[in-house]
Amino acid sequence: MKRLKEILLIKDATINKVQFDKEWFFKLDDMAYFLKEDLSEVEFVYLPMLIDGEEKIVKCSSFEDIIRGRKEFDQ
């Protein structure tokens, strides 16, 4: 399992993200592709995000939700 550091994910231009209520949320599809893992067990919310100049409503998860979902799925 690939180790994650939130600050590096925030800086990574290949992962779409949005800050909401002082917390970063990452587009779940981008994270699954980045990690090459199934993240279907990770809790998510739908948030508006600007992608390629167009606002879309996408599945997003916080860093903590992604970490928790990966651990629960791994067991």
C-alpha atoms as a PDB file:
ATOM      1  CA  MET A   1       0.000   0.000   0.000  1.00  0.00           C
ATOM      2  CA  LYS A   2       1.371   3.393  -1.044  1.00  0.00           C
ATOM      3  CA  ARG A   3       2.145   5.772   1.854  1.00  0.00           C
ATOM      4  CA  LEU A   4       0.412   9.133   1.703  1.00  0.00           C
ATOM      5  CA  LYS A   5       1.313  12.610   2.875  1.00  0.00           C
ATOM      6  CA  GLU A   6      -1.473  15.168   2.664  1.00  0.00           C
ATOM      7  CA  ILE A   7       0.828  18.086   1.834  1.00  0.00           C
ATOM      8  CA  LEU A   8       2.201  16.241  -1.215  1.00  0.00           C
ATOM      9  CA  LEU A   9      -1.325  15.446  -2.431  1.00  0.00           C
ATOM     10  CA  ILE A  10      -2.285  19.109  -2.101  1.00  0.00           C
ATOM     11  CA  LYS A  11       0.700  20.089  -4.263  1.00  0.00           C
ATOM     12  CA  ASP A  12       0.068  17.349  -6.874  1.00  0.00           C
ATOM     13  CA  ALA A  13      -1.483  18.945  -9.976  1.00  0.00           C
ATOM     14  CA  THR A  14      -2.787  15.597 -11.284  1.00  0.00           C
ATOM     15  CA  ILE A  15      -5.245  15.262  -8.381  1.00  0.00           C
ATOM     16  CA  ASN A  16      -8.291  17.532  -8.405  1.00  0.00           C
ATOM     17  CA  LYS A  17      -9.049  18.943  -4.980  1.00  0.00           C
ATOM     18  CA  VAL A  18     -11.088  21.610  -3.261  1.00  0.00           C
ATOM     19  CA  GLN A  19     -10.838  23.278   0.131  1.00  0.00           C
ATOM     20  CA  PHE A  20     -14.126  23.332   2.013  1.00  0.00           C
ATOM     21  CA  ASP A  21     -14.497  24.544   5.623  1.00  0.00           C
ATOM     22  CA  LYS A  22     -10.697  24.705   6.039  1.00  0.00           C
ATOM     23  CA  GLU A  23     -10.344  21.023   5.063  1.00  0.00           C
ATOM     24  CA  TRP A  24      -9.064  19.653   1.765  1.00  0.00           C
ATOM     25  CA  PHE A  25     -11.205  17.185  -0.183  1.00  0.00           C
ATOM     26  CA  PHE A  26      -9.766  15.109  -3.000  1.00  0.00           C
ATOM     27  CA  LYS A  27     -11.627  13.819  -6.053  1.00  0.00           C
ATOM     28  CA  LEU A  28     -12.085  10.124  -5.292  1.00  0.00           C
ATOM     29  CA  ASP A  29     -11.572   8.929  -8.889  1.00  0.00           C
ATOM     30  CA  ASP A  30      -8.262  10.809  -9.091  1.00  0.00           C
ATOM     31  CA  MET A  31      -7.101   9.287  -5.808  1.00  0.00           C
ATOM     32  CA  ALA A  32      -8.050   5.757  -6.927  1.00  0.00           C
ATOM     33  CA  TYR A  33      -6.059   6.267 -10.143  1.00  0.00           C
ATOM     34  CA  PHE A  34      -3.096   7.803  -8.264  1.00  0.00           C
ATOM     35  CA  LEU A  35      -3.000   4.952  -5.730  1.00  0.00           C
ATOM     36  CA  LYS A  36      -3.993   2.248  -8.222  1.00  0.00           C
ATOM     37  CA  GLU A  37      -6.416   0.970  -5.583  1.00  0.00           C
ATOM     38  CA  ASP A  38     -10.127   0.325  -5.255  1.00  0.00           C
ATOM     39  CA  LEU A  39     -11.469   3.080  -2.997  1.00  0.00           C
ATOM     40  CA  SER A  40     -15.122   2.062  -3.202  1.00  0.00           C
ATOM     41  CA  GLU A  41     -15.258   1.560   0.591  1.00  0.00           C
ATOM     42  CA  VAL A  42     -14.090   5.118   1.342  1.00  0.00           C
ATOM     43  CA  GLU A  43     -16.739   7.514   2.687  1.00  0.00           C
ATOM     44  CA  PHE A  44     -17.404  10.434   0.362  1.00  0.00           C
ATOM     45  CA  VAL A  45     -19.485  13.559  -0.153  1.00  0.00           C
ATOM     46  CA  TYR A  46     -20.500  15.331  -3.331  1.00  0.00           C
ATOM     47  CA  LEU A  47     -18.871  18.748  -3.714  1.00  0.00           C
ATOM     48  CA  PRO A  48     -18.618  21.256  -6.557  1.00  0.00           C
ATOM     49  CA  MET A  49     -15.188  21.341  -8.128  1.00  0.00           C
ATOM     50  CA  LEU A  50     -13.687  23.295 -11.016  1.00  0.00           C
ATOM     51  CA  ILE A  51     -12.280  20.770 -13.507  1.00  0.00           C
ATOM     52  CA  ASP A  52     -10.838  21.945 -16.830  1.00  0.00           C
ATOM     53  CA  GLY A  53     -12.598  25.283 -16.402  1.00  0.00           C
ATOM     54  CA  GLU A  54     -16.005  23.665 -15.848  1.00  0.00           C
ATOM     55  CA  GLU A  55     -17.761  23.317 -12.492  1.00  0.00           C
ATOM     56  CA  LYS A  56     -18.789  19.741 -11.788  1.00  0.00           C
ATOM     57  CA  ILE A  57     -20.294  17.965  -8.783  1.00  0.00           C
ATOM     58  CA  VAL A  58     -17.979  15.048  -7.949  1.00  0.00           C
ATOM     59  CA  LYS A  59     -17.354  12.436  -5.261  1.00  0.00           C
ATOM     60  CA  CYS A  60     -14.763  13.783  -2.826  1.00  0.00           C
ATOM     61  CA  SER A  61     -13.156  12.506   0.353  1.00  0.00           C
ATOM     62  CA  SER A  62     -11.034  14.076   3.018  1.00  0.00           C
ATOM     63  CA  PHE A  63      -7.515  12.818   3.605  1.00  0.00           C
ATOM     64  CA  GLU A  64      -8.612  11.204   6.879  1.00  0.00           C
ATOM     65  CA  ASP A  65     -11.539   9.401   5.213  1.00  0.00           C
ATOM     66  CA  ILE A  66      -9.224   8.020   2.536  1.00  0.00           C
ATOM     67  CA  ILE A  67      -6.719   6.756   5.119  1.00  0.00           C
ATOM     68  CA  ARG A  68      -9.487   5.219   7.239  1.00  0.00           C
ATOM     69  CA  GLY A  69     -11.152   3.583   4.227  1.00  0.00           C
ATOM     70  CA  ARG A  70      -7.886   2.089   3.032  1.00  0.00           C
ATOM     71  CA  LYS A  71      -7.166   0.580   6.459  1.00  0.00           C
ATOM     72  CA  GLU A  72     -10.669  -0.849   6.869  1.00  0.00           C
ATOM     73  CA  PHE A  73     -10.610  -2.280   3.358  1.00  0.00           C
ATOM     74  CA  ASP A  74      -7.142  -3.778   3.915  1.00  0.00           C
ATOM     75  CA  GLN A  75      -8.137  -5.817   6.979  1.00  0.00           C
END
